[in-house]
């Protein structure tokens, strides 16, 4: 697990995470903080992208430079994952975007599929799965299964807050997938919510609370 998990340490990210956790944060401020936190995470995650050397012409002379080598795809887990997409696209504007709709059955706490639209070229792409809250891990595990079945081979999971239970579930089912998070929280409560967490990220993004 230690090699699979990266907890991003960044002063501004920690600041934005505190804004996201605060129950007094308005919907607009929550969305802005989520965008900023996601953009910071995108920078950190993208450090590992492979590059290739190219020849370019500056206004003054020829030189050599580096460009990102692989195709990149961003796949948010609906609906809360949508709030992280803009931050990633600000850094990686040419990334292809797919969507996986997986909701939690509030009684049994199991994932239920309701939508799937994935971009072409997944076998060759570096695929970032965006899911702000890694609680039981059910939705993330299901999303990763779907993507592997569609040919994705280079998968990374990016979340803001993770519970130990969710990390364990992903590690057990997908030990090959790197996990990035801004914080590992204490535990899940009896309703499978992360404690201390930040509430329901989807509700706070879309303003239903």
Protein backbone atom coordinates (compact mmCIF):
# COMPACT_ATOMS: atom_id res chain seq x y z
CA UNK A 1 0.00 0.00 0.00
CA UNK A 2 2.79 2.45 0.86
CA UNK A 3 4.21 2.27 -2.66
CA UNK A 4 0.75 2.49 -4.23
CA UNK A 5 -0.40 5.57 -2.26
CA UNK A 6 0.85 9.15 -2.55
CA UNK A 7 -0.44 11.78 -0.12
CA UNK A 8 0.26 15.15 -1.72
CA UNK A 9 1.84 17.64 0.68
CA UNK A 10 1.34 21.21 -0.49
CA UNK A 11 0.58 24.25 1.67
CA UNK A 12 -2.01 25.75 -0.70
CA UNK A 13 -3.71 22.37 -1.20
CA UNK A 14 -3.97 21.97 2.59
CA UNK A 15 -5.50 25.45 2.78
CA UNK A 16 -8.10 24.64 0.12
CA UNK A 17 -8.92 21.35 1.77
CA UNK A 18 -9.72 23.20 4.99
CA UNK A 19 -12.11 25.43 3.04
CA UNK A 20 -13.75 22.33 1.57
CA UNK A 21 -14.14 20.72 4.99
CA UNK A 22 -15.75 23.79 6.59
CA UNK A 23 -19.54 23.36 6.82
CA UNK A 24 -19.91 27.17 6.61
CA UNK A 25 -18.37 27.29 3.12
CA UNK A 26 -20.92 28.42 0.53
CA UNK A 27 -21.64 26.39 -2.62
CA UNK A 28 -19.79 28.92 -4.78
CA UNK A 29 -16.76 29.01 -2.52
CA UNK A 30 -16.80 25.21 -2.34
CA UNK A 31 -16.75 24.89 -6.13
CA UNK A 32 -13.91 27.42 -6.41
CA UNK A 33 -11.85 25.66 -3.74
CA UNK A 34 -12.49 22.31 -5.41
CA UNK A 35 -11.27 23.70 -8.74
CA UNK A 36 -8.14 25.12 -7.13
CA UNK A 37 -7.41 21.95 -5.16
CA UNK A 38 -7.88 19.83 -8.27
CA UNK A 39 -5.56 22.06 -10.30
CA UNK A 40 -2.83 21.70 -7.68
CA UNK A 41 -3.32 17.93 -7.62
CA UNK A 42 -3.15 17.85 -11.43
CA UNK A 43 0.25 19.52 -11.35
CA UNK A 44 1.57 17.00 -8.83
CA UNK A 45 0.07 13.98 -10.59
CA UNK A 46 1.33 15.07 -14.01
CA UNK A 47 4.95 15.24 -12.83
CA UNK A 48 5.19 11.53 -13.66
CA UNK A 49 3.99 11.87 -17.26
CA UNK A 50 6.59 10.62 -19.74
CA UNK A 51 7.93 13.14 -22.27
CA UNK A 52 9.55 12.99 -25.68
CA UNK A 53 12.20 15.23 -27.21
CA UNK A 54 11.21 17.26 -30.27
CA UNK A 55 12.73 19.80 -32.62
CA UNK A 56 11.12 23.25 -32.68
CA UNK A 57 11.71 26.61 -34.32
CA UNK A 58 11.79 29.61 -32.01
CA UNK A 59 11.47 33.09 -33.55
CA UNK A 60 15.29 33.23 -33.51
CA UNK A 61 16.67 29.73 -34.14
CA UNK A 62 16.05 25.97 -34.07
CA UNK A 63 16.23 24.22 -30.70
CA UNK A 64 15.02 21.10 -28.95
CA UNK A 65 12.28 20.82 -26.39
CA UNK A 66 10.06 18.34 -24.56
CA UNK A 67 6.41 17.47 -25.10
CA UNK A 68 4.15 15.06 -23.24
CA UNK A 69 4.55 11.69 -24.95
CA UNK A 70 1.30 9.84 -24.19
CA UNK A 71 -2.35 10.59 -24.73
CA UNK A 72 -4.12 11.60 -21.51
CA UNK A 73 -7.71 10.82 -20.54
CA UNK A 74 -9.67 12.17 -17.59
CA UNK A 75 -12.61 10.11 -16.33
CA UNK A 76 -14.66 11.55 -13.45
CA UNK A 77 -16.94 9.30 -11.42
CA UNK A 78 -20.30 11.06 -11.58
CA UNK A 79 -21.44 13.17 -10.15
CA UNK A 80 -18.99 14.61 -7.64
CA UNK A 81 -16.01 13.85 -9.86
CA UNK A 82 -17.24 16.45 -12.34
CA UNK A 83 -16.07 19.14 -9.94
CA UNK A 84 -12.45 18.03 -10.42
CA UNK A 85 -12.42 17.97 -14.23
CA UNK A 86 -11.90 21.70 -14.85
CA UNK A 87 -8.78 21.77 -12.68
CA UNK A 88 -7.23 18.94 -14.68
CA UNK A 89 -8.22 20.40 -18.04
CA UNK A 90 -6.70 23.75 -17.11
CA UNK A 91 -3.34 21.97 -17.01
CA UNK A 92 -4.04 19.31 -19.67
CA UNK A 93 -6.43 20.98 -22.15
CA UNK A 94 -5.98 18.29 -24.81
CA UNK A 95 -6.98 15.45 -22.49
CA UNK A 96 -9.89 13.32 -23.61
CA UNK A 97 -12.80 13.20 -21.17
CA UNK A 98 -15.03 10.26 -20.37
CA UNK A 99 -17.75 9.79 -17.76
CA UNK A 100 -18.75 6.94 -15.47
CA UNK A 101 -21.99 7.24 -13.51
CA UNK A 102 -21.84 5.12 -10.36
CA UNK A 103 -23.99 5.93 -7.36
CA UNK A 104 -24.06 4.42 -3.91
CA UNK A 105 -27.11 2.51 -2.75
CA UNK A 106 -27.76 4.37 0.50
CA UNK A 107 -29.27 1.30 2.17
CA UNK A 108 -26.75 -1.37 1.24
CA UNK A 109 -23.79 0.96 0.56
CA UNK A 110 -22.97 -0.85 -2.70
CA UNK A 111 -22.20 0.81 -6.08
CA UNK A 112 -24.89 0.96 -8.76
CA UNK A 113 -24.04 1.77 -12.40
CA UNK A 114 -26.23 4.23 -14.28
CA UNK A 115 -24.13 5.82 -17.05
CA UNK A 116 -21.00 5.15 -19.10
CA UNK A 117 -19.39 7.12 -21.91
CA UNK A 118 -15.70 6.52 -22.43
CA UNK A 119 -13.33 8.15 -24.91
CA UNK A 120 -11.44 6.23 -27.64
CA UNK A 121 -7.78 5.37 -27.33
CA UNK A 122 -7.86 4.12 -23.73
CA UNK A 123 -5.26 1.34 -24.26
CA UNK A 124 -2.60 3.91 -25.20
CA UNK A 125 -3.64 6.67 -22.77
CA UNK A 126 -2.63 7.62 -19.26
CA UNK A 127 -6.05 7.59 -17.57
CA UNK A 128 -6.81 9.65 -14.46
CA UNK A 129 -9.94 8.55 -12.59
CA UNK A 130 -11.34 11.45 -10.55
CA UNK A 131 -13.41 10.66 -7.45
CA UNK A 132 -13.25 13.27 -4.63
CA UNK A 133 -14.26 10.92 -1.82
CA UNK A 134 -12.76 7.44 -1.49
CA UNK A 135 -15.01 6.03 1.24
CA UNK A 136 -15.82 2.30 1.00
CA UNK A 137 -13.98 2.20 -2.31
CA UNK A 138 -16.92 0.51 -4.04
CA UNK A 139 -17.42 3.14 -6.75
CA UNK A 140 -13.71 3.49 -7.43
CA UNK A 141 -13.21 -0.27 -7.65
CA UNK A 142 -16.16 -0.55 -10.03
CA UNK A 143 -14.92 2.35 -12.17
CA UNK A 144 -11.46 0.84 -12.47
CA UNK A 145 -12.96 -2.52 -13.48
CA UNK A 146 -15.00 -0.82 -16.22
CA UNK A 147 -11.96 1.00 -17.55
CA UNK A 148 -9.79 -2.11 -17.58
CA UNK A 149 -12.53 -3.98 -19.44
CA UNK A 150 -12.48 -1.14 -21.99
CA UNK A 151 -8.76 -1.59 -22.53
CA UNK A 152 -7.20 0.97 -20.18
CA UNK A 153 -3.80 -0.18 -18.95
CA UNK A 154 -2.28 2.92 -17.32
CA UNK A 155 -4.72 3.92 -14.59
CA UNK A 156 -4.32 6.30 -11.68
CA UNK A 157 -6.96 7.21 -9.09
CA UNK A 158 -7.10 10.81 -7.84
CA UNK A 159 -9.21 11.72 -4.80
CA UNK A 160 -9.28 14.56 -2.30
CA UNK A 161 -10.04 12.60 0.85
CA UNK A 162 -9.63 8.87 1.45
CA UNK A 163 -10.69 6.52 4.23
CA UNK A 164 -8.50 3.56 5.20
CA UNK A 165 -11.33 1.21 4.22
CA UNK A 166 -11.48 2.60 0.70
CA UNK A 167 -7.72 2.50 0.27
CA UNK A 168 -7.73 -1.14 1.36
CA UNK A 169 -10.51 -2.04 -1.07
CA UNK A 170 -8.72 -0.48 -4.05
CA UNK A 171 -5.39 -2.03 -3.06
CA UNK A 172 -7.00 -5.48 -2.81
CA UNK A 173 -8.76 -5.30 -6.19
CA UNK A 174 -6.37 -3.09 -8.16
CA UNK A 175 -2.86 -3.26 -6.69
CA UNK A 176 -1.46 -1.94 -9.98
CA UNK A 177 -3.31 1.40 -9.76
CA UNK A 178 -1.54 4.33 -8.15
CA UNK A 179 -3.67 6.34 -5.72
CA UNK A 180 -3.24 10.07 -5.13
CA UNK A 181 -4.98 11.92 -2.32
CA UNK A 182 -4.77 15.16 -0.37
CA UNK A 183 -5.60 13.49 2.97
CA UNK A 184 -6.20 10.12 4.58
CA UNK A 185 -8.96 10.53 7.15
CA UNK A 186 -9.68 8.53 10.29
CA UNK A 187 -12.50 6.11 9.45
CA UNK A 188 -15.97 5.49 8.06
CA UNK A 189 -19.02 5.94 10.27
CA UNK A 190 -22.07 3.63 10.43
CA UNK A 191 -23.48 5.29 7.29
CA UNK A 192 -20.21 4.79 5.38
CA UNK A 193 -19.37 8.50 5.42
CA UNK A 194 -15.76 9.54 5.84
CA UNK A 195 -14.88 11.05 9.21
CA UNK A 196 -13.99 13.87 9.59
CA UNK A 197 -14.52 14.14 5.83
CA UNK A 198 -16.21 17.06 4.13
CA UNK A 199 -19.80 15.89 3.76
CA UNK A 200 -21.37 14.84 0.45
CA UNK A 201 -19.11 16.38 -2.19
CA UNK A 202 -21.75 16.00 -4.93
CA UNK A 203 -24.39 17.83 -2.91
CA UNK A 204 -21.97 20.61 -2.02
CA UNK A 205 -20.82 21.06 -5.63
CA UNK A 206 -24.29 21.09 -7.15
CA UNK A 207 -26.07 22.95 -4.37
CA UNK A 208 -28.66 20.43 -3.26
CA UNK A 209 -28.02 20.98 0.43
